[in-house]
Amino acid sequence: MPRPFFSSMCSAMIRNVFTSGSLFGACLLSSIALASDDPTLPLNNDDALPSIVLINPNSNTEATHSMANLARHETIGVANVIERSNSSAPPLLTTPEDMTKAASGVVAIGVEAAKDERVVAIIVSAFSDPGLEELREAVDIPVFGIGEEVFHEAARGGRAFGIVTVTPDQGLIESFRQKAADLGYADLYRGTRVTPGDPTQLVQSPKALDAALAEAVQVSIDEDGAEAVIMGGGPLSASALRLQPRFDVPLVVAVSAAARAAVAAIQGQ
């Protein structure tokens, strides 16, 4: 049975999402409205609040801004979100080699950010969490990876979860299985469902993307037994917002999960 979920932001989308530097789980969330499009977001930082630094491991500043705005929906009244892009990396990270190379830039940005006493948490905003462990060792404040946190949220309460993505890359799919195992969720992970067709074409049509993802989500629920479904990165965040009212199970978005985890840490939960 459908249920109410998000407000009018569910219909917000960014055109040409493929060119923004995000495609699938190894990449970054980019399909969200800009702050100027959403009157519920504060236009200016509150100097009385602490700050969370969101690091985009690639150099696409538009994607960074979009991800930061998604995080801001979770941090209003608790913390400012400061956005940083990794200018030393390409605008699109698509391979394990790209992620490895991006890690050093993530660590450098994070170490510099942590010198500011107003910064109380850092979010590494790529699904594969490049540089996450290294940055945690280098700073004394909490560091959250969107890939790690989306698994924690999906598995909360011991619920079974699946992943939906738009790319059939077997290395990516295996990385999902490995991350579930590494985090202790092997018994809860119900596998990954991939939409058919060319993902570069699919992400350019919100209507087609929504239809393909809705079908994959339904299969994950009906055939795999998923009680929560992770939207496997890239341009899937906006679709998740639009599709959520159709499903009783949560469609979990990685940046939102990490932002909520950061807020909980700040509030001492």
C-alpha atoms as a PDB file:
ATOM      1  CA  MET A   1       0.000   0.000   0.000  1.00  0.00           C
ATOM      2  CA  PRO A   2       1.368   3.425  -0.875  1.00  0.00           C
ATOM      3  CA  ARG A   3       2.029   5.769   2.017  1.00  0.00           C
ATOM      4  CA  PRO A   4       2.887   9.468   2.303  1.00  0.00           C
ATOM      5  CA  PHE A   5       6.587  10.206   2.616  1.00  0.00           C
ATOM      6  CA  PHE A   6       8.281  13.320   1.305  1.00  0.00           C
ATOM      7  CA  SER A   7       6.820  16.704   0.466  1.00  0.00           C
ATOM      8  CA  SER A   8       7.069  18.498  -2.847  1.00  0.00           C
ATOM      9  CA  MET A   9      10.811  17.867  -2.970  1.00  0.00           C
ATOM     10  CA  CYS A  10       9.901  14.414  -4.304  1.00  0.00           C
ATOM     11  CA  SER A  11       9.314  15.949  -7.721  1.00  0.00           C
ATOM     12  CA  ALA A  12      12.556  17.932  -7.816  1.00  0.00           C
ATOM     13  CA  MET A  13      15.172  16.740 -10.286  1.00  0.00           C
ATOM     14  CA  ILE A  14      18.355  17.849 -11.951  1.00  0.00           C
ATOM     15  CA  ARG A  15      18.484  17.600 -15.725  1.00  0.00           C
ATOM     16  CA  ASN A  16      21.365  15.922 -17.520  1.00  0.00           C
ATOM     17  CA  VAL A  17      22.388  13.917 -14.497  1.00  0.00           C
ATOM     18  CA  PHE A  18      24.858  11.798 -16.402  1.00  0.00           C
ATOM     19  CA  THR A  19      26.997  14.791 -17.261  1.00  0.00           C
ATOM     20  CA  SER A  20      27.054  15.918 -13.628  1.00  0.00           C
ATOM     21  CA  GLY A  21      29.666  13.334 -12.767  1.00  0.00           C
ATOM     22  CA  SER A  22      27.530  10.600 -11.242  1.00  0.00           C
ATOM     23  CA  LEU A  23      26.404   7.355 -12.755  1.00  0.00           C
ATOM     24  CA  PHE A  24      26.207   4.472 -10.308  1.00  0.00           C
ATOM     25  CA  GLY A  25      27.162   3.204  -6.884  1.00  0.00           C
ATOM     26  CA  ALA A  26      30.869   3.874  -7.244  1.00  0.00           C
ATOM     27  CA  CYS A  27      30.062   7.449  -8.087  1.00  0.00           C
ATOM     28  CA  LEU A  28      28.108  10.192  -6.380  1.00  0.00           C
ATOM     29  CA  LEU A  29      24.592  11.341  -5.745  1.00  0.00           C
ATOM     30  CA  SER A  30      23.752  14.267  -7.966  1.00  0.00           C
ATOM     31  CA  SER A  31      20.067  14.330  -8.856  1.00  0.00           C
ATOM     32  CA  ILE A  32      18.682  16.613  -6.222  1.00  0.00           C
ATOM     33  CA  ALA A  33      17.337  20.141  -6.292  1.00  0.00           C
ATOM     34  CA  LEU A  34      19.628  23.061  -5.599  1.00  0.00           C
ATOM     35  CA  ALA A  35      19.056  25.054  -2.427  1.00  0.00           C
ATOM     36  CA  SER A  36      17.600  27.969  -4.372  1.00  0.00           C
ATOM     37  CA  ASP A  37      14.914  25.594  -5.672  1.00  0.00           C
ATOM     38  CA  ASP A  38      13.810  24.530  -2.177  1.00  0.00           C
ATOM     39  CA  PRO A  39      12.508  27.211   0.216  1.00  0.00           C
ATOM     40  CA  THR A  40      12.736  24.811   3.182  1.00  0.00           C
ATOM     41  CA  LEU A  41      16.536  24.988   3.173  1.00  0.00           C
ATOM     42  CA  PRO A  42      18.362  27.794   4.983  1.00  0.00           C
ATOM     43  CA  LEU A  43      20.100  30.084   2.505  1.00  0.00           C
ATOM     44  CA  ASN A  44      22.903  31.038   4.887  1.00  0.00           C
ATOM     45  CA  ASN A  45      24.933  29.164   7.477  1.00  0.00           C
ATOM     46  CA  ASP A  46      24.118  29.752  11.134  1.00  0.00           C
ATOM     47  CA  ASP A  47      27.326  30.835  12.849  1.00  0.00           C
ATOM     48  CA  ALA A  48      26.000  29.518  16.157  1.00  0.00           C
ATOM     49  CA  LEU A  49      25.910  25.944  14.854  1.00  0.00           C
ATOM     50  CA  PRO A  50      28.786  23.491  14.400  1.00  0.00           C
ATOM     51  CA  SER A  51      29.723  22.337  10.916  1.00  0.00           C
ATOM     52  CA  ILE A  52      29.806  19.064   9.023  1.00  0.00           C
ATOM     53  CA  VAL A  53      32.190  18.965   6.070  1.00  0.00           C
ATOM     54  CA  LEU A  54      30.954  16.900   3.118  1.00  0.00           C
ATOM     55  CA  ILE A  55      33.781  15.821   0.827  1.00  0.00           C
ATOM     56  CA  ASN A  56      33.061  14.805  -2.735  1.00  0.00           C
ATOM     57  CA  PRO A  57      35.971  12.527  -3.736  1.00  0.00           C
ATOM     58  CA  ASN A  58      35.649  13.689  -7.335  1.00  0.00           C
ATOM     59  CA  SER A  59      36.033  17.186  -8.783  1.00  0.00           C
ATOM     60  CA  ASN A  60      32.468  17.764  -9.965  1.00  0.00           C
ATOM     61  CA  THR A  61      31.348  20.805  -7.990  1.00  0.00           C
ATOM     62  CA  GLU A  62      27.752  20.574  -9.212  1.00  0.00           C
ATOM     63  CA  ALA A  63      27.482  17.067  -7.821  1.00  0.00           C
ATOM     64  CA  THR A  64      29.077  18.255  -4.580  1.00  0.00           C
ATOM     65  CA  HIS A  65      26.520  21.038  -4.231  1.00  0.00           C
ATOM     66  CA  SER A  66      23.645  18.662  -4.906  1.00  0.00           C
ATOM     67  CA  MET A  67      24.860  16.148  -2.333  1.00  0.00           C
ATOM     68  CA  ALA A  68      25.404  18.870   0.250  1.00  0.00           C
ATOM     69  CA  ASN A  69      21.848  20.082  -0.256  1.00  0.00           C
ATOM     70  CA  LEU A  70      20.516  16.584   0.299  1.00  0.00           C
ATOM     71  CA  ALA A  71      22.520  16.419   3.534  1.00  0.00           C
ATOM     72  CA  ARG A  72      21.173  19.813   4.588  1.00  0.00           C
ATOM     73  CA  HIS A  73      17.654  18.423   4.644  1.00  0.00           C
ATOM     74  CA  GLU A  74      18.825  16.177   7.501  1.00  0.00           C
ATOM     75  CA  THR A  75      20.895  18.730   9.423  1.00  0.00           C
ATOM     76  CA  ILE A  76      18.647  21.801   9.614  1.00  0.00           C
ATOM     77  CA  GLY A  77      18.900  23.352  13.059  1.00  0.00           C
ATOM     78  CA  VAL A  78      21.721  21.001  14.106  1.00  0.00           C
ATOM     79  CA  ALA A  79      24.726  21.769  11.906  1.00  0.00           C
ATOM     80  CA  ASN A  80      25.851  23.644   8.838  1.00  0.00           C
ATOM     81  CA  VAL A  81      27.045  21.582   5.872  1.00  0.00           C
ATOM     82  CA  ILE A  82      30.240  22.805   4.235  1.00  0.00           C
ATOM     83  CA  GLU A  83      30.939  21.299   0.823  1.00  0.00           C
ATOM     84  CA  ARG A  84      34.352  20.415  -0.543  1.00  0.00           C
ATOM     85  CA  SER A  85      35.325  18.866  -3.888  1.00  0.00           C
ATOM     86  CA  ASN A  86      38.491  16.911  -4.601  1.00  0.00           C
ATOM     87  CA  SER A  87      40.048  19.048  -7.325  1.00  0.00           C
ATOM     88  CA  SER A  88      42.881  16.550  -7.784  1.00  0.00           C
ATOM     89  CA  ALA A  89      40.479  13.859  -9.031  1.00  0.00           C
ATOM     90  CA  PRO A  90      38.544  13.530 -12.301  1.00  0.00           C
ATOM     91  CA  PRO A  91      34.891  14.631 -12.406  1.00  0.00           C
ATOM     92  CA  LEU A  92      33.678  11.031 -12.607  1.00  0.00           C
ATOM     93  CA  LEU A  93      35.010   8.083 -10.598  1.00  0.00           C
ATOM     94  CA  THR A  94      34.076   4.811 -12.262  1.00  0.00           C
ATOM     95  CA  THR A  95      36.795   2.275 -11.463  1.00  0.00           C
ATOM     96  CA  PRO A  96      38.518   0.930  -8.351  1.00  0.00           C
ATOM     97  CA  GLU A  97      41.686   2.603  -9.603  1.00  0.00           C
ATOM     98  CA  ASP A  98      39.904   5.974  -9.686  1.00  0.00           C
ATOM     99  CA  MET A  99      38.757   5.468  -6.123  1.00  0.00           C
ATOM    100  CA  THR A 100      42.244   4.548  -4.919  1.00  0.00           C
ATOM    101  CA  LYS A 101      43.739   7.632  -6.522  1.00  0.00           C
ATOM    102  CA  ALA A 102      41.010   9.846  -5.066  1.00  0.00           C
ATOM    103  CA  ALA A 103      41.645   8.653  -1.511  1.00  0.00           C
ATOM    104  CA  SER A 104      44.726  10.786  -0.917  1.00  0.00           C
ATOM    105  CA  GLY A 105      42.852  13.927  -1.899  1.00  0.00           C
ATOM    106  CA  VAL A 106      39.986  13.031   0.425  1.00  0.00           C
ATOM    107  CA  VAL A 107      42.392  12.601   3.329  1.00  0.00           C
ATOM    108  CA  ALA A 108      44.153  15.892   2.622  1.00  0.00           C
ATOM    109  CA  ILE A 109      40.857  17.795   2.480  1.00  0.00           C
ATOM    110  CA  GLY A 110      39.597  16.130   5.634  1.00  0.00           C
ATOM    111  CA  VAL A 111      42.756  16.751   7.644  1.00  0.00           C
ATOM    112  CA  GLU A 112      42.705  20.427   6.707  1.00  0.00           C
ATOM    113  CA  ALA A 113      38.974  20.718   7.502  1.00  0.00           C
ATOM    114  CA  ALA A 114      39.411  19.126  10.924  1.00  0.00           C
ATOM    115  CA  LYS A 115      41.782  21.930  11.952  1.00  0.00           C
ATOM    116  CA  ASP A 116      38.745  24.202  12.247  1.00  0.00           C
ATOM    117  CA  GLU A 117      37.320  23.744  15.747  1.00  0.00           C
ATOM    118  CA  ARG A 118      33.814  24.420  14.419  1.00  0.00           C
ATOM    119  CA  VAL A 119      33.980  21.245  12.313  1.00  0.00           C
ATOM    120  CA  VAL A 120      32.598  18.354  14.348  1.00  0.00           C
ATOM    121  CA  ALA A 121      32.114  15.662  11.686  1.00  0.00           C
ATOM    122  CA  ILE A 122      33.109  14.771   8.131  1.00  0.00           C
ATOM    123  CA  ILE A 123      31.174  12.883   5.452  1.00  0.00           C
ATOM    124  CA  VAL A 124      33.019  11.098   2.638  1.00  0.00           C
ATOM    125  CA  SER A 125      30.445  11.208  -0.127  1.00  0.00           C
ATOM    126  CA  ALA A 126      31.150   8.350  -2.510  1.00  0.00           C
ATOM    127  CA  PHE A 127      29.510   4.937  -2.341  1.00  0.00           C
ATOM    128  CA  SER A 128      32.834   3.094  -2.159  1.00  0.00           C
ATOM    129  CA  ASP A 129      34.052   5.361   0.700  1.00  0.00           C
ATOM    130  CA  PRO A 130      37.528   6.170  -0.712  1.00  0.00           C
ATOM    131  CA  GLY A 131      39.950   7.282   1.968  1.00  0.00           C
ATOM    132  CA  LEU A 132      37.466   6.649   4.791  1.00  0.00           C
ATOM    133  CA  GLU A 133      39.642   4.511   7.044  1.00  0.00           C
ATOM    134  CA  GLU A 134      42.768   6.564   6.396  1.00  0.00           C
ATOM    135  CA  LEU A 135      40.933   9.780   7.267  1.00  0.00           C
ATOM    136  CA  ARG A 136      39.521   8.269  10.455  1.00  0.00           C
ATOM    137  CA  GLU A 137      43.060   7.484  11.558  1.00  0.00           C
ATOM    138  CA  ALA A 138      44.241  10.990  10.749  1.00  0.00           C
ATOM    139  CA  VAL A 139      41.622  13.096  12.579  1.00  0.00           C
ATOM    140  CA  ASP A 140      39.988  13.147  16.006  1.00  0.00           C
ATOM    141  CA  ILE A 141      36.408  13.834  14.914  1.00  0.00           C
ATOM    142  CA  PRO A 142      33.816  11.347  13.575  1.00  0.00           C
ATOM    143  CA  VAL A 143      34.084  10.489   9.880  1.00  0.00           C
ATOM    144  CA  PHE A 144      31.178   8.878   8.044  1.00  0.00           C
ATOM    145  CA  GLY A 145      31.197   7.170   4.653  1.00  0.00           C
ATOM    146  CA  ILE A 146      27.950   7.211   2.710  1.00  0.00           C
ATOM    147  CA  GLY A 147      28.514   3.646   1.501  1.00  0.00           C
ATOM    148  CA  GLU A 148      29.059   2.323   5.010  1.00  0.00           C
ATOM    149  CA  GLU A 149      26.194   4.274   6.563  1.00  0.00           C
ATOM    150  CA  VAL A 150      23.630   3.260   3.963  1.00  0.00           C
ATOM    151  CA  PHE A 151      24.316  -0.389   4.799  1.00  0.00           C
ATOM    152  CA  HIS A 152      23.964   0.309   8.523  1.00  0.00           C
ATOM    153  CA  GLU A 153      20.639   2.052   7.980  1.00  0.00           C
ATOM    154  CA  ALA A 154      19.276  -0.557   5.602  1.00  0.00           C
ATOM    155  CA  ALA A 155      20.139  -3.374   8.024  1.00  0.00           C
ATOM    156  CA  ARG A 156      18.842  -1.587  11.108  1.00  0.00           C
ATOM    157  CA  GLY A 157      16.846  -3.835  13.403  1.00  0.00           C
ATOM    158  CA  GLY A 158      18.080  -6.938  11.613  1.00  0.00           C
ATOM    159  CA  ARG A 159      15.989  -6.364   8.513  1.00  0.00           C
ATOM    160  CA  ALA A 160      16.881  -8.001   5.217  1.00  0.00           C
ATOM    161  CA  PHE A 161      17.922  -5.608   2.471  1.00  0.00           C
ATOM    162  CA  GLY A 162      18.686  -5.555  -1.211  1.00  0.00           C
ATOM    163  CA  ILE A 163      20.340  -3.121  -3.593  1.00  0.00           C
ATOM    164  CA  VAL A 164      19.058  -1.705  -6.854  1.00  0.00           C
ATOM    165  CA  THR A 165      21.437  -0.161  -9.368  1.00  0.00           C
ATOM    166  CA  VAL A 166      21.543   0.748 -13.040  1.00  0.00           C
ATOM    167  CA  THR A 167      24.852  -0.806 -14.053  1.00  0.00           C
ATOM    168  CA  PRO A 168      25.571  -4.491 -14.644  1.00  0.00           C
ATOM    169  CA  ASP A 169      29.254  -4.109 -13.771  1.00  0.00           C
ATOM    170  CA  GLN A 170      30.143  -7.341 -12.005  1.00  0.00           C
ATOM    171  CA  GLY A 171      32.987  -5.755 -10.076  1.00  0.00           C
ATOM    172  CA  LEU A 172      30.596  -3.206  -8.626  1.00  0.00           C
ATOM    173  CA  ILE A 173      28.047  -5.873  -7.728  1.00  0.00           C
ATOM    174  CA  GLU A 174      30.724  -7.965  -6.046  1.00  0.00           C
ATOM    175  CA  SER A 175      31.865  -4.914  -4.087  1.00  0.00           C
ATOM    176  CA  PHE A 176      28.331  -4.592  -2.685  1.00  0.00           C
ATOM    177  CA  ARG A 177      28.410  -8.203  -1.510  1.00  0.00           C
ATOM    178  CA  GLN A 178      31.855  -7.745  -0.019  1.00  0.00           C
ATOM    179  CA  LYS A 179      30.879  -4.562   1.811  1.00  0.00           C
ATOM    180  CA  ALA A 180      27.836  -6.310   3.298  1.00  0.00           C
ATOM    181  CA  ALA A 181      30.094  -9.120   4.501  1.00  0.00           C
ATOM    182  CA  ASP A 182      32.754  -6.758   5.852  1.00  0.00           C
ATOM    183  CA  LEU A 183      30.132  -4.889   7.876  1.00  0.00           C
ATOM    184  CA  GLY A 184      28.657  -8.096   9.301  1.00  0.00           C
ATOM    185  CA  TYR A 185      25.502  -8.105   7.201  1.00  0.00           C
ATOM    186  CA  ALA A 186      26.143 -11.108   4.950  1.00  0.00           C
ATOM    187  CA  ASP A 187      23.100 -12.942   6.333  1.00  0.00           C
ATOM    188  CA  LEU A 188      20.843  -9.941   5.742  1.00  0.00           C
ATOM    189  CA  TYR A 189      22.032  -9.042   2.247  1.00  0.00           C
ATOM    190  CA  ARG A 190      19.590 -10.285  -0.387  1.00  0.00           C
ATOM    191  CA  GLY A 191      21.566  -9.399  -3.488  1.00  0.00           C
ATOM    192  CA  THR A 192      21.536  -6.726  -6.158  1.00  0.00           C
ATOM    193  CA  ARG A 193      18.963  -6.160  -8.874  1.00  0.00           C
ATOM    194  CA  VAL A 194      20.088  -4.344 -12.014  1.00  0.00           C
ATOM    195  CA  THR A 195      17.848  -2.402 -14.368  1.00  0.00           C
ATOM    196  CA  PRO A 196      17.993  -3.556 -18.010  1.00  0.00           C
ATOM    197  CA  GLY A 197      19.453  -1.530 -20.855  1.00  0.00           C
ATOM    198  CA  ASP A 198      22.162   1.076 -21.256  1.00  0.00           C
ATOM    199  CA  PRO A 199      22.509   3.035 -18.015  1.00  0.00           C
ATOM    200  CA  THR A 200      23.880   6.110 -19.778  1.00  0.00           C
ATOM    201  CA  GLN A 201      20.644   6.340 -21.737  1.00  0.00           C
ATOM    202  CA  LEU A 202      18.398   5.385 -18.844  1.00  0.00           C
ATOM    203  CA  VAL A 203      19.579   8.109 -16.490  1.00  0.00           C
ATOM    204  CA  GLN A 204      18.762  10.786 -19.050  1.00  0.00           C
ATOM    205  CA  SER A 205      15.031  10.062 -18.836  1.00  0.00           C
ATOM    206  CA  PRO A 206      13.557  10.437 -15.326  1.00  0.00           C
ATOM    207  CA  LYS A 207      10.344   8.736 -16.441  1.00  0.00           C
ATOM    208  CA  ALA A 208      12.154   5.730 -17.883  1.00  0.00           C
ATOM    209  CA  LEU A 209      14.538   5.596 -14.937  1.00  0.00           C
ATOM    210  CA  ASP A 210      11.698   5.637 -12.429  1.00  0.00           C
ATOM    211  CA  ALA A 211       9.862   2.871 -14.279  1.00  0.00           C
ATOM    212  CA  ALA A 212      12.929   0.642 -14.483  1.00  0.00           C
ATOM    213  CA  LEU A 213      13.875   1.214 -10.865  1.00  0.00           C
ATOM    214  CA  ALA A 214      10.332   0.624  -9.626  1.00  0.00           C
ATOM    215  CA  GLU A 215      10.320  -2.758 -11.336  1.00  0.00           C
ATOM    216  CA  ALA A 216      13.720  -3.674  -9.885  1.00  0.00           C
ATOM    217  CA  VAL A 217      12.680  -2.574  -6.402  1.00  0.00           C
ATOM    218  CA  GLN A 218       9.514  -4.669  -6.621  1.00  0.00           C
ATOM    219  CA  VAL A 219      11.527  -7.729  -7.649  1.00  0.00           C
ATOM    220  CA  SER A 220      13.944  -7.138  -4.765  1.00  0.00           C
ATOM    221  CA  ILE A 221      10.995  -7.093  -2.382  1.00  0.00           C
ATOM    222  CA  ASP A 222       8.893  -9.895  -3.878  1.00  0.00           C
ATOM    223  CA  GLU A 223      11.533 -12.366  -4.999  1.00  0.00           C
ATOM    224  CA  ASP A 224      14.513 -11.580  -2.766  1.00  0.00           C
ATOM    225  CA  GLY A 225      12.637 -10.783   0.421  1.00  0.00           C
ATOM    226  CA  ALA A 226      14.123  -7.310   0.908  1.00  0.00           C
ATOM    227  CA  GLU A 227      12.633  -5.292   3.759  1.00  0.00           C
ATOM    228  CA  ALA A 228      14.650  -2.239   2.758  1.00  0.00           C
ATOM    229  CA  VAL A 229      16.213  -1.364  -0.583  1.00  0.00           C
ATOM    230  CA  ILE A 230      19.421   0.609  -1.025  1.00  0.00           C
ATOM    231  CA  MET A 231      19.384   2.851  -4.077  1.00  0.00           C
ATOM    232  CA  GLY A 232      22.829   2.036  -5.436  1.00  0.00           C
ATOM    233  CA  GLY A 233      24.206   5.526  -5.924  1.00  0.00           C
ATOM    234  CA  GLY A 234      24.452   7.809  -8.914  1.00  0.00           C
ATOM    235  CA  PRO A 235      21.288   9.477 -10.210  1.00  0.00           C
ATOM    236  CA  LEU A 236      19.070   7.176  -8.164  1.00  0.00           C
ATOM    237  CA  SER A 237      18.570   9.545  -5.232  1.00  0.00           C
ATOM    238  CA  ALA A 238      15.968  11.725  -6.947  1.00  0.00           C
ATOM    239  CA  SER A 239      14.165   8.630  -8.205  1.00  0.00           C
ATOM    240  CA  ALA A 240      14.129   7.251  -4.662  1.00  0.00           C
ATOM    241  CA  LEU A 241      12.318  10.359  -3.468  1.00  0.00           C
ATOM    242  CA  ARG A 242       9.780  10.125  -6.265  1.00  0.00           C
ATOM    243  CA  LEU A 243       9.263   6.374  -5.885  1.00  0.00           C
ATOM    244  CA  GLN A 244       9.082   6.095  -2.097  1.00  0.00           C
ATOM    245  CA  PRO A 245       5.306   6.729  -1.874  1.00  0.00           C
ATOM    246  CA  ARG A 246       4.726   3.582  -3.952  1.00  0.00           C
ATOM    247  CA  PHE A 247       6.413   1.283  -1.449  1.00  0.00           C
ATOM    248  CA  ASP A 248       5.979   0.397   2.195  1.00  0.00           C
ATOM    249  CA  VAL A 249       9.643  -0.600   2.549  1.00  0.00           C
ATOM    250  CA  PRO A 250      12.184   2.218   2.827  1.00  0.00           C
ATOM    251  CA  LEU A 251      14.258   3.155  -0.203  1.00  0.00           C
ATOM    252  CA  VAL A 252      17.512   4.134   1.469  1.00  0.00           C
ATOM    253  CA  VAL A 253      19.618   6.964   0.028  1.00  0.00           C
ATOM    254  CA  ALA A 254      23.286   6.992   0.976  1.00  0.00           C
ATOM    255  CA  VAL A 255      23.946  10.703   1.548  1.00  0.00           C
ATOM    256  CA  SER A 256      20.819  11.020   3.691  1.00  0.00           C
ATOM    257  CA  ALA A 257      21.871   8.008   5.768  1.00  0.00           C
ATOM    258  CA  ALA A 258      25.328   9.458   6.413  1.00  0.00           C
ATOM    259  CA  ALA A 259      23.923  12.873   7.299  1.00  0.00           C
ATOM    260  CA  ARG A 260      21.524  11.317   9.794  1.00  0.00           C
ATOM    261  CA  ALA A 261      24.397   9.367  11.340  1.00  0.00           C
ATOM    262  CA  ALA A 262      26.420  12.569  11.686  1.00  0.00           C
ATOM    263  CA  VAL A 263      23.496  14.356  13.328  1.00  0.00           C
ATOM    264  CA  ALA A 264      23.074  11.469  15.782  1.00  0.00           C
ATOM    265  CA  ALA A 265      26.774  11.696  16.671  1.00  0.00           C
ATOM    266  CA  ILE A 266      26.549  15.439  17.230  1.00  0.00           C
ATOM    267  CA  GLN A 267      23.511  15.010  19.444  1.00  0.00           C
ATOM    268  CA  GLY A 268      25.205  12.234  21.380  1.00  0.00           C
ATOM    269  CA  GLN A 269      22.756   9.522  20.389  1.00  0.00           C
END
